[in-house]
Amino acid sequence: MNDTYLIYLLCGAIALIFLYLIAREFQTSRDFRRIYAALAAAQKARVGIEHELRVTMQKAVDETREKSESAIGEGLRASREEITDIKIETDFLLQRLDRLEESINKYHFLLSDQGVGEPDAAKIVSLYTSGYSIDEIARQLRVSATDVAFVVRLNNLEVR
């Protein structure tokens, strides 16, 4: 009986160990299913986050591109306006320079037509620095007082 009892005891112990292993396998299998489900959920979340990140990055790139294109466009527009302003100012100054050149040529021809040449312009300056008035010089050289005053101003002399 002792042997039979030991065999039953041994079979019971083996059965208990076997049941323990089956329970453990069931629990391990359940843990693996949970881990797998968690990994699947994490993978799904990662894919969702990657998609959101791509969409957000594309929006940021598009906004940045629009802003930079807008800023570049504004800069170009401002530069064009500034160039236009400079061109207008340059044209104005060129016209003014042309008018001044015409005035100088007009007075130069007036002086030449009345017989006042370069030596006479030097004579006007000489007489004026000697103390003669503009009217006295005009009478003496037989030229207009305006022409004498012009030569005086042209030579940076103080009109008195």
N, C-alpha and C. Protein backbone atom coordinates (compact mmCIF):
# COMPACT_ATOMS: atom_id res chain seq x y z
N MET A 1 0.77 -1.15 0.00
CA MET A 1 0.00 0.00 0.00
C MET A 1 0.83 1.25 0.00
N ASN A 2 1.88 1.12 0.60
CA ASN A 2 2.79 2.25 0.62
C ASN A 2 3.28 2.59 -0.78
N ASP A 3 3.53 1.58 -1.53
CA ASP A 3 4.02 1.84 -2.88
C ASP A 3 2.90 2.46 -3.73
N THR A 4 1.72 1.96 -3.56
CA THR A 4 0.60 2.48 -4.31
C THR A 4 0.33 3.93 -3.87
N TYR A 5 0.40 4.11 -2.60
CA TYR A 5 0.19 5.44 -2.08
C TYR A 5 1.24 6.38 -2.64
N LEU A 6 2.46 5.98 -2.70
CA LEU A 6 3.56 6.81 -3.23
C LEU A 6 3.32 7.07 -4.72
N ILE A 7 2.85 6.08 -5.43
CA ILE A 7 2.64 6.25 -6.87
C ILE A 7 1.51 7.27 -7.05
N TYR A 8 0.44 7.14 -6.26
CA TYR A 8 -0.66 8.10 -6.37
C TYR A 8 -0.19 9.50 -5.98
N LEU A 9 0.60 9.52 -4.99
CA LEU A 9 1.15 10.79 -4.54
C LEU A 9 2.03 11.39 -5.63
N LEU A 10 2.84 10.58 -6.23
CA LEU A 10 3.73 11.04 -7.30
C LEU A 10 2.89 11.47 -8.51
N CYS A 11 1.88 10.66 -8.84
CA CYS A 11 1.02 11.03 -9.99
C CYS A 11 0.28 12.32 -9.67
N GLY A 12 -0.18 12.46 -8.43
CA GLY A 12 -0.86 13.70 -8.04
C GLY A 12 0.07 14.89 -8.12
N ALA A 13 1.33 14.70 -7.69
CA ALA A 13 2.31 15.78 -7.75
C ALA A 13 2.59 16.15 -9.20
N ILE A 14 2.72 15.13 -10.04
CA ILE A 14 2.97 15.39 -11.47
C ILE A 14 1.76 16.11 -12.06
N ALA A 15 0.55 15.67 -11.69
CA ALA A 15 -0.65 16.31 -12.21
C ALA A 15 -0.72 17.76 -11.74
N LEU A 16 -0.37 17.98 -10.45
CA LEU A 16 -0.35 19.36 -9.94
C LEU A 16 0.68 20.20 -10.69
N ILE A 17 1.85 19.64 -10.90
CA ILE A 17 2.90 20.37 -11.65
C ILE A 17 2.38 20.64 -13.06
N PHE A 18 1.75 19.64 -13.68
CA PHE A 18 1.23 19.79 -15.03
C PHE A 18 0.15 20.87 -15.05
N LEU A 19 -0.76 20.87 -14.08
CA LEU A 19 -1.80 21.89 -13.99
C LEU A 19 -1.19 23.27 -13.76
N TYR A 20 -0.17 23.28 -12.91
CA TYR A 20 0.52 24.55 -12.66
C TYR A 20 1.14 25.08 -13.95
N LEU A 21 1.79 24.19 -14.72
CA LEU A 21 2.42 24.59 -15.98
C LEU A 21 1.37 25.06 -16.98
N ILE A 22 0.22 24.37 -17.04
CA ILE A 22 -0.84 24.78 -17.96
C ILE A 22 -1.38 26.15 -17.55
N ALA A 23 -1.58 26.36 -16.26
CA ALA A 23 -2.07 27.65 -15.77
C ALA A 23 -1.05 28.73 -16.08
N ARG A 24 0.19 28.40 -15.88
CA ARG A 24 1.28 29.35 -16.16
C ARG A 24 1.33 29.67 -17.65
N GLU A 25 1.19 28.64 -18.48
CA GLU A 25 1.19 28.83 -19.94
C GLU A 25 0.01 29.70 -20.35
N PHE A 26 -1.15 29.45 -19.76
CA PHE A 26 -2.33 30.24 -20.06
C PHE A 26 -2.10 31.70 -19.68
N GLN A 27 -1.52 31.94 -18.49
CA GLN A 27 -1.24 33.30 -18.02
C GLN A 27 -0.19 33.95 -18.91
N THR A 28 0.87 33.22 -19.28
CA THR A 28 1.91 33.76 -20.16
C THR A 28 1.31 34.10 -21.53
N SER A 29 0.46 33.20 -22.03
CA SER A 29 -0.18 33.43 -23.32
C SER A 29 -1.06 34.67 -23.27
N ARG A 30 -1.79 34.82 -22.18
CA ARG A 30 -2.64 36.00 -21.99
C ARG A 30 -1.77 37.27 -21.92
N ASP A 31 -0.65 37.20 -21.20
CA ASP A 31 0.27 38.34 -21.10
C ASP A 31 0.83 38.69 -22.47
N PHE A 32 1.19 37.64 -23.27
CA PHE A 32 1.70 37.91 -24.62
C PHE A 32 0.63 38.55 -25.49
N ARG A 33 -0.64 38.10 -25.36
CA ARG A 33 -1.71 38.70 -26.14
C ARG A 33 -1.88 40.17 -25.75
N ARG A 34 -1.79 40.46 -24.45
CA ARG A 34 -1.89 41.85 -23.99
C ARG A 34 -0.74 42.70 -24.53
N ILE A 35 0.48 42.12 -24.45
CA ILE A 35 1.66 42.83 -24.96
C ILE A 35 1.50 43.06 -26.46
N TYR A 36 1.04 42.03 -27.19
CA TYR A 36 0.84 42.15 -28.63
C TYR A 36 -0.20 43.23 -28.92
N ALA A 37 -1.30 43.22 -28.16
CA ALA A 37 -2.34 44.23 -28.36
C ALA A 37 -1.80 45.63 -28.06
N ALA A 38 -1.01 45.74 -27.00
CA ALA A 38 -0.41 47.04 -26.66
C ALA A 38 0.56 47.49 -27.75
N LEU A 39 1.36 46.53 -28.28
CA LEU A 39 2.28 46.88 -29.37
C LEU A 39 1.51 47.28 -30.63
N ALA A 40 0.42 46.57 -30.92
CA ALA A 40 -0.40 46.92 -32.08
C ALA A 40 -1.00 48.31 -31.90
N ALA A 41 -1.48 48.60 -30.70
CA ALA A 41 -2.05 49.93 -30.42
C ALA A 41 -0.97 51.01 -30.53
N ALA A 42 0.23 50.67 -30.01
CA ALA A 42 1.34 51.63 -30.09
C ALA A 42 1.74 51.86 -31.55
N GLN A 43 1.76 50.80 -32.34
CA GLN A 43 2.09 50.92 -33.76
C GLN A 43 1.05 51.78 -34.47
N LYS A 44 -0.23 51.54 -34.17
CA LYS A 44 -1.31 52.31 -34.77
C LYS A 44 -1.19 53.79 -34.36
N ALA A 45 -0.89 54.02 -33.09
CA ALA A 45 -0.72 55.39 -32.61
C ALA A 45 0.48 56.04 -33.28
N ARG A 46 1.57 55.28 -33.44
CA ARG A 46 2.77 55.80 -34.10
C ARG A 46 2.46 56.21 -35.54
N VAL A 47 1.71 55.35 -36.25
CA VAL A 47 1.33 55.67 -37.63
C VAL A 47 0.47 56.93 -37.65
N GLY A 48 -0.47 57.02 -36.70
CA GLY A 48 -1.32 58.22 -36.63
C GLY A 48 -0.52 59.47 -36.34
N ILE A 49 0.42 59.35 -35.40
CA ILE A 49 1.26 60.50 -35.04
C ILE A 49 2.15 60.89 -36.22
N GLU A 50 2.71 59.88 -36.92
CA GLU A 50 3.54 60.18 -38.09
C GLU A 50 2.72 60.92 -39.14
N HIS A 51 1.49 60.46 -39.36
CA HIS A 51 0.62 61.12 -40.33
C HIS A 51 0.34 62.57 -39.92
N GLU A 52 -0.03 62.75 -38.64
CA GLU A 52 -0.29 64.11 -38.14
C GLU A 52 0.96 64.97 -38.26
N LEU A 53 2.11 64.38 -37.97
CA LEU A 53 3.37 65.13 -38.05
C LEU A 53 3.65 65.53 -39.50
N ARG A 54 3.43 64.59 -40.45
CA ARG A 54 3.64 64.92 -41.86
C ARG A 54 2.71 66.04 -42.30
N VAL A 55 1.44 65.94 -41.90
CA VAL A 55 0.46 66.97 -42.27
C VAL A 55 0.85 68.31 -41.66
N THR A 56 1.22 68.30 -40.38
CA THR A 56 1.61 69.54 -39.70
C THR A 56 2.86 70.13 -40.34
N MET A 57 3.83 69.27 -40.64
CA MET A 57 5.07 69.76 -41.26
C MET A 57 4.78 70.33 -42.64
N GLN A 58 3.92 69.66 -43.42
CA GLN A 58 3.59 70.17 -44.75
C GLN A 58 2.88 71.51 -44.65
N LYS A 59 1.97 71.63 -43.67
CA LYS A 59 1.30 72.92 -43.46
C LYS A 59 2.31 74.00 -43.10
N ALA A 60 3.25 73.66 -42.21
CA ALA A 60 4.28 74.63 -41.81
C ALA A 60 5.13 75.02 -43.00
N VAL A 61 5.50 74.03 -43.82
CA VAL A 61 6.31 74.32 -45.02
C VAL A 61 5.52 75.22 -45.96
N ASP A 62 4.25 74.89 -46.18
CA ASP A 62 3.42 75.70 -47.07
C ASP A 62 3.25 77.12 -46.55
N GLU A 63 3.00 77.25 -45.24
CA GLU A 63 2.86 78.59 -44.65
C GLU A 63 4.15 79.37 -44.75
N THR A 64 5.27 78.70 -44.46
CA THR A 64 6.57 79.37 -44.55
C THR A 64 6.84 79.79 -45.99
N ARG A 65 6.54 78.91 -46.93
CA ARG A 65 6.74 79.24 -48.34
C ARG A 65 5.88 80.43 -48.73
N GLU A 66 4.60 80.41 -48.31
CA GLU A 66 3.72 81.53 -48.63
C GLU A 66 4.21 82.82 -48.01
N LYS A 67 4.64 82.74 -46.74
CA LYS A 67 5.14 83.95 -46.08
C LYS A 67 6.40 84.46 -46.76
N SER A 68 7.32 83.55 -47.09
CA SER A 68 8.56 83.99 -47.73
C SER A 68 8.29 84.52 -49.12
N GLU A 69 7.38 83.85 -49.87
CA GLU A 69 7.03 84.36 -51.19
C GLU A 69 6.35 85.72 -51.07
N SER A 70 5.51 85.85 -50.05
CA SER A 70 4.84 87.13 -49.82
C SER A 70 5.86 88.21 -49.45
N ALA A 71 6.79 87.82 -48.55
CA ALA A 71 7.82 88.79 -48.14
C ALA A 71 8.71 89.16 -49.33
N ILE A 72 9.07 88.15 -50.13
CA ILE A 72 9.89 88.42 -51.30
C ILE A 72 9.12 89.31 -52.27
N GLY A 73 7.82 88.98 -52.45
CA GLY A 73 6.99 89.81 -53.33
C GLY A 73 6.90 91.23 -52.83
N GLU A 74 6.71 91.39 -51.52
CA GLU A 74 6.66 92.73 -50.93
C GLU A 74 7.98 93.45 -51.12
N GLY A 75 9.07 92.71 -50.89
CA GLY A 75 10.40 93.31 -51.07
C GLY A 75 10.62 93.73 -52.50
N LEU A 76 10.22 92.87 -53.44
CA LEU A 76 10.35 93.22 -54.85
C LEU A 76 9.47 94.41 -55.21
N ARG A 77 8.25 94.40 -54.68
CA ARG A 77 7.35 95.52 -54.94
C ARG A 77 7.94 96.82 -54.41
N ALA A 78 8.46 96.76 -53.18
CA ALA A 78 9.06 97.95 -52.57
C ALA A 78 10.28 98.39 -53.37
N SER A 79 11.08 97.41 -53.81
CA SER A 79 12.27 97.74 -54.61
C SER A 79 11.87 98.36 -55.93
N ARG A 80 10.83 97.81 -56.56
CA ARG A 80 10.36 98.39 -57.83
C ARG A 80 9.88 99.82 -57.62
N GLU A 81 9.13 100.03 -56.52
CA GLU A 81 8.66 101.38 -56.23
C GLU A 81 9.82 102.32 -55.99
N GLU A 82 10.82 101.83 -55.25
CA GLU A 82 11.98 102.66 -54.98
C GLU A 82 12.74 102.96 -56.27
N ILE A 83 12.87 101.95 -57.13
CA ILE A 83 13.55 102.16 -58.42
C ILE A 83 12.77 103.16 -59.25
N THR A 84 11.44 103.04 -59.23
CA THR A 84 10.61 103.99 -59.97
C THR A 84 10.79 105.40 -59.42
N ASP A 85 10.80 105.53 -58.09
CA ASP A 85 11.03 106.84 -57.48
C ASP A 85 12.39 107.41 -57.87
N ILE A 86 13.41 106.54 -57.83
CA ILE A 86 14.76 106.99 -58.20
C ILE A 86 14.79 107.41 -59.67
N LYS A 87 14.10 106.65 -60.53
CA LYS A 87 14.06 106.98 -61.95
C LYS A 87 13.38 108.33 -62.16
N ILE A 88 12.27 108.54 -61.44
CA ILE A 88 11.56 109.82 -61.56
C ILE A 88 12.46 110.96 -61.10
N GLU A 89 13.13 110.75 -59.96
CA GLU A 89 14.02 111.79 -59.44
C GLU A 89 15.19 112.03 -60.39
N THR A 90 15.73 110.94 -60.96
CA THR A 90 16.83 111.06 -61.91
C THR A 90 16.38 111.82 -63.15
N ASP A 91 15.18 111.48 -63.66
CA ASP A 91 14.66 112.19 -64.83
C ASP A 91 14.48 113.67 -64.53
N PHE A 92 13.96 113.95 -63.31
CA PHE A 92 13.77 115.35 -62.92
C PHE A 92 15.11 116.08 -62.88
N LEU A 93 16.11 115.43 -62.26
CA LEU A 93 17.43 116.07 -62.16
C LEU A 93 18.08 116.23 -63.54
N LEU A 94 17.89 115.24 -64.41
CA LEU A 94 18.43 115.37 -65.77
C LEU A 94 17.76 116.51 -66.53
N GLN A 95 16.45 116.65 -66.37
CA GLN A 95 15.75 117.77 -67.01
C GLN A 95 16.25 119.10 -66.45
N ARG A 96 16.42 119.13 -65.16
CA ARG A 96 16.92 120.36 -64.53
C ARG A 96 18.33 120.68 -65.03
N LEU A 97 19.15 119.64 -65.13
CA LEU A 97 20.51 119.82 -65.64
C LEU A 97 20.48 120.31 -67.08
N ASP A 98 19.58 119.75 -67.88
CA ASP A 98 19.45 120.21 -69.28
C ASP A 98 19.05 121.67 -69.34
N ARG A 99 18.10 122.06 -68.46
CA ARG A 99 17.68 123.48 -68.44
C ARG A 99 18.84 124.38 -68.03
N LEU A 100 19.60 123.94 -67.02
CA LEU A 100 20.75 124.74 -66.59
C LEU A 100 21.79 124.85 -67.70
N GLU A 101 22.01 123.73 -68.39
CA GLU A 101 22.97 123.74 -69.49
C GLU A 101 22.50 124.67 -70.61
N GLU A 102 21.19 124.63 -70.88
CA GLU A 102 20.64 125.54 -71.89
C GLU A 102 20.82 126.99 -71.46
N SER A 103 20.60 127.26 -70.17
CA SER A 103 20.77 128.63 -69.67
C SER A 103 22.21 129.08 -69.81
N ILE A 104 23.13 128.19 -69.45
CA ILE A 104 24.56 128.54 -69.57
C ILE A 104 24.91 128.78 -71.03
N ASN A 105 24.45 127.89 -71.91
CA ASN A 105 24.73 128.07 -73.34
C ASN A 105 24.10 129.36 -73.86
N LYS A 106 22.90 129.68 -73.37
CA LYS A 106 22.23 130.91 -73.79
C LYS A 106 23.07 132.13 -73.40
N TYR A 107 23.54 132.16 -72.15
CA TYR A 107 24.35 133.29 -71.71
C TYR A 107 25.70 133.29 -72.42
N HIS A 108 26.23 132.13 -72.68
CA HIS A 108 27.52 132.06 -73.38
C HIS A 108 27.37 132.64 -74.79
N PHE A 109 26.26 132.29 -75.47
CA PHE A 109 26.05 132.83 -76.81
C PHE A 109 25.75 134.32 -76.74
N LEU A 110 25.04 134.76 -75.69
CA LEU A 110 24.78 136.19 -75.54
C LEU A 110 26.09 136.94 -75.41
N LEU A 111 26.99 136.43 -74.59
CA LEU A 111 28.27 137.09 -74.41
C LEU A 111 29.06 137.09 -75.70
N SER A 112 29.03 135.97 -76.42
CA SER A 112 29.79 135.87 -77.67
C SER A 112 29.20 136.78 -78.73
N ASP A 113 27.84 136.87 -78.79
CA ASP A 113 27.19 137.69 -79.81
C ASP A 113 27.48 139.16 -79.59
N GLN A 114 27.67 139.57 -78.38
CA GLN A 114 27.92 140.97 -78.10
C GLN A 114 29.40 141.29 -78.12
N GLY A 115 30.20 140.35 -78.51
CA GLY A 115 31.61 140.62 -78.65
C GLY A 115 32.38 140.43 -77.37
N VAL A 116 31.81 139.84 -76.38
CA VAL A 116 32.52 139.63 -75.12
C VAL A 116 33.06 138.22 -75.16
N GLY A 117 34.34 138.05 -75.26
CA GLY A 117 34.94 136.72 -75.30
C GLY A 117 35.57 136.41 -73.96
N GLU A 118 36.39 135.39 -73.94
CA GLU A 118 37.06 134.98 -72.72
C GLU A 118 37.95 136.08 -72.15
N PRO A 119 38.73 136.77 -72.99
CA PRO A 119 39.55 137.84 -72.41
C PRO A 119 38.70 138.93 -71.76
N ASP A 120 37.50 139.21 -72.34
CA ASP A 120 36.63 140.23 -71.78
C ASP A 120 36.03 139.75 -70.47
N ALA A 121 35.73 138.42 -70.34
CA ALA A 121 35.24 137.88 -69.07
C ALA A 121 36.33 138.06 -68.02
N ALA A 122 37.56 137.81 -68.38
CA ALA A 122 38.66 138.02 -67.45
C ALA A 122 38.78 139.51 -67.11
N LYS A 123 38.50 140.35 -68.11
CA LYS A 123 38.56 141.80 -67.88
C LYS A 123 37.45 142.23 -66.92
N ILE A 124 36.25 141.60 -67.07
CA ILE A 124 35.14 141.90 -66.16
C ILE A 124 35.54 141.55 -64.72
N VAL A 125 36.12 140.38 -64.54
CA VAL A 125 36.54 139.95 -63.20
C VAL A 125 37.62 140.90 -62.67
N SER A 126 38.56 141.26 -63.53
CA SER A 126 39.64 142.16 -63.11
C SER A 126 39.10 143.52 -62.68
N LEU A 127 38.20 144.09 -63.50
CA LEU A 127 37.64 145.40 -63.17
C LEU A 127 36.78 145.32 -61.89
N TYR A 128 36.03 144.23 -61.76
CA TYR A 128 35.15 144.08 -60.59
C TYR A 128 35.98 143.95 -59.32
N THR A 129 37.07 143.17 -59.37
CA THR A 129 37.92 143.03 -58.19
C THR A 129 38.70 144.32 -57.91
N SER A 130 38.84 145.17 -58.93
CA SER A 130 39.53 146.45 -58.74
C SER A 130 38.62 147.48 -58.07
N GLY A 131 37.29 147.17 -57.99
CA GLY A 131 36.41 148.09 -57.29
C GLY A 131 35.34 148.71 -58.15
N TYR A 132 35.36 148.47 -59.45
CA TYR A 132 34.33 149.02 -60.33
C TYR A 132 33.00 148.33 -60.04
N SER A 133 31.90 149.09 -60.23
CA SER A 133 30.58 148.51 -60.03
C SER A 133 30.15 147.77 -61.29
N ILE A 134 29.09 146.98 -61.18
CA ILE A 134 28.60 146.21 -62.32
C ILE A 134 28.14 147.17 -63.42
N ASP A 135 27.44 148.24 -63.07
CA ASP A 135 26.96 149.20 -64.07
C ASP A 135 28.12 149.90 -64.78
N GLU A 136 29.17 150.27 -64.02
CA GLU A 136 30.34 150.94 -64.62
C GLU A 136 31.04 150.01 -65.61
N ILE A 137 31.19 148.76 -65.24
CA ILE A 137 31.84 147.78 -66.12
C ILE A 137 31.00 147.58 -67.38
N ALA A 138 29.65 147.49 -67.23
CA ALA A 138 28.76 147.29 -68.37
C ALA A 138 28.87 148.47 -69.35
N ARG A 139 28.89 149.69 -68.82
CA ARG A 139 29.03 150.86 -69.70
C ARG A 139 30.37 150.89 -70.39
N GLN A 140 31.43 150.61 -69.64
CA GLN A 140 32.79 150.67 -70.18
C GLN A 140 33.00 149.62 -71.28
N LEU A 141 32.48 148.39 -71.08
CA LEU A 141 32.70 147.32 -72.05
C LEU A 141 31.56 147.19 -73.07
N ARG A 142 30.50 148.02 -72.88
CA ARG A 142 29.35 148.02 -73.77
C ARG A 142 28.65 146.64 -73.81
N VAL A 143 28.34 146.15 -72.63
CA VAL A 143 27.56 144.91 -72.46
C VAL A 143 26.47 145.21 -71.44
N SER A 144 25.55 144.28 -71.32
CA SER A 144 24.45 144.52 -70.36
C SER A 144 24.95 144.26 -68.94
N ALA A 145 24.29 144.93 -67.99
CA ALA A 145 24.62 144.76 -66.58
C ALA A 145 24.30 143.32 -66.14
N THR A 146 23.28 142.70 -66.75
CA THR A 146 22.92 141.32 -66.43
C THR A 146 24.05 140.37 -66.79
N ASP A 147 24.67 140.62 -67.98
CA ASP A 147 25.78 139.76 -68.40
C ASP A 147 26.98 139.93 -67.47
N VAL A 148 27.24 141.16 -67.03
CA VAL A 148 28.35 141.40 -66.11
C VAL A 148 28.08 140.70 -64.78
N ALA A 149 26.83 140.84 -64.27
CA ALA A 149 26.48 140.20 -63.01
C ALA A 149 26.59 138.66 -63.13
N PHE A 150 26.21 138.13 -64.29
CA PHE A 150 26.32 136.70 -64.51
C PHE A 150 27.78 136.24 -64.45
N VAL A 151 28.65 136.97 -65.09
CA VAL A 151 30.08 136.61 -65.07
C VAL A 151 30.63 136.72 -63.65
N VAL A 152 30.20 137.74 -62.91
CA VAL A 152 30.64 137.92 -61.52
C VAL A 152 30.19 136.71 -60.68
N ARG A 153 28.92 136.33 -60.83
CA ARG A 153 28.41 135.18 -60.06
C ARG A 153 29.06 133.88 -60.52
N LEU A 154 29.31 133.75 -61.80
CA LEU A 154 29.93 132.55 -62.36
C LEU A 154 31.33 132.34 -61.79
N ASN A 155 32.00 133.42 -61.43
CA ASN A 155 33.34 133.36 -60.88
C ASN A 155 33.34 133.39 -59.34
N ASN A 156 32.17 133.14 -58.76
CA ASN A 156 32.02 133.06 -57.31
C ASN A 156 32.49 134.33 -56.59
N LEU A 157 32.24 135.46 -57.18
CA LEU A 157 32.57 136.73 -56.52
C LEU A 157 31.34 137.25 -55.82
N GLU A 158 31.53 137.94 -54.72
CA GLU A 158 30.42 138.48 -53.94
C GLU A 158 29.83 139.68 -54.68
N VAL A 159 28.52 139.61 -54.92
CA VAL A 159 27.86 140.72 -55.64
C VAL A 159 27.62 141.84 -54.64
N ARG A 160 27.99 143.07 -55.07
CA ARG A 160 27.82 144.22 -54.18
C ARG A 160 27.03 145.30 -54.86
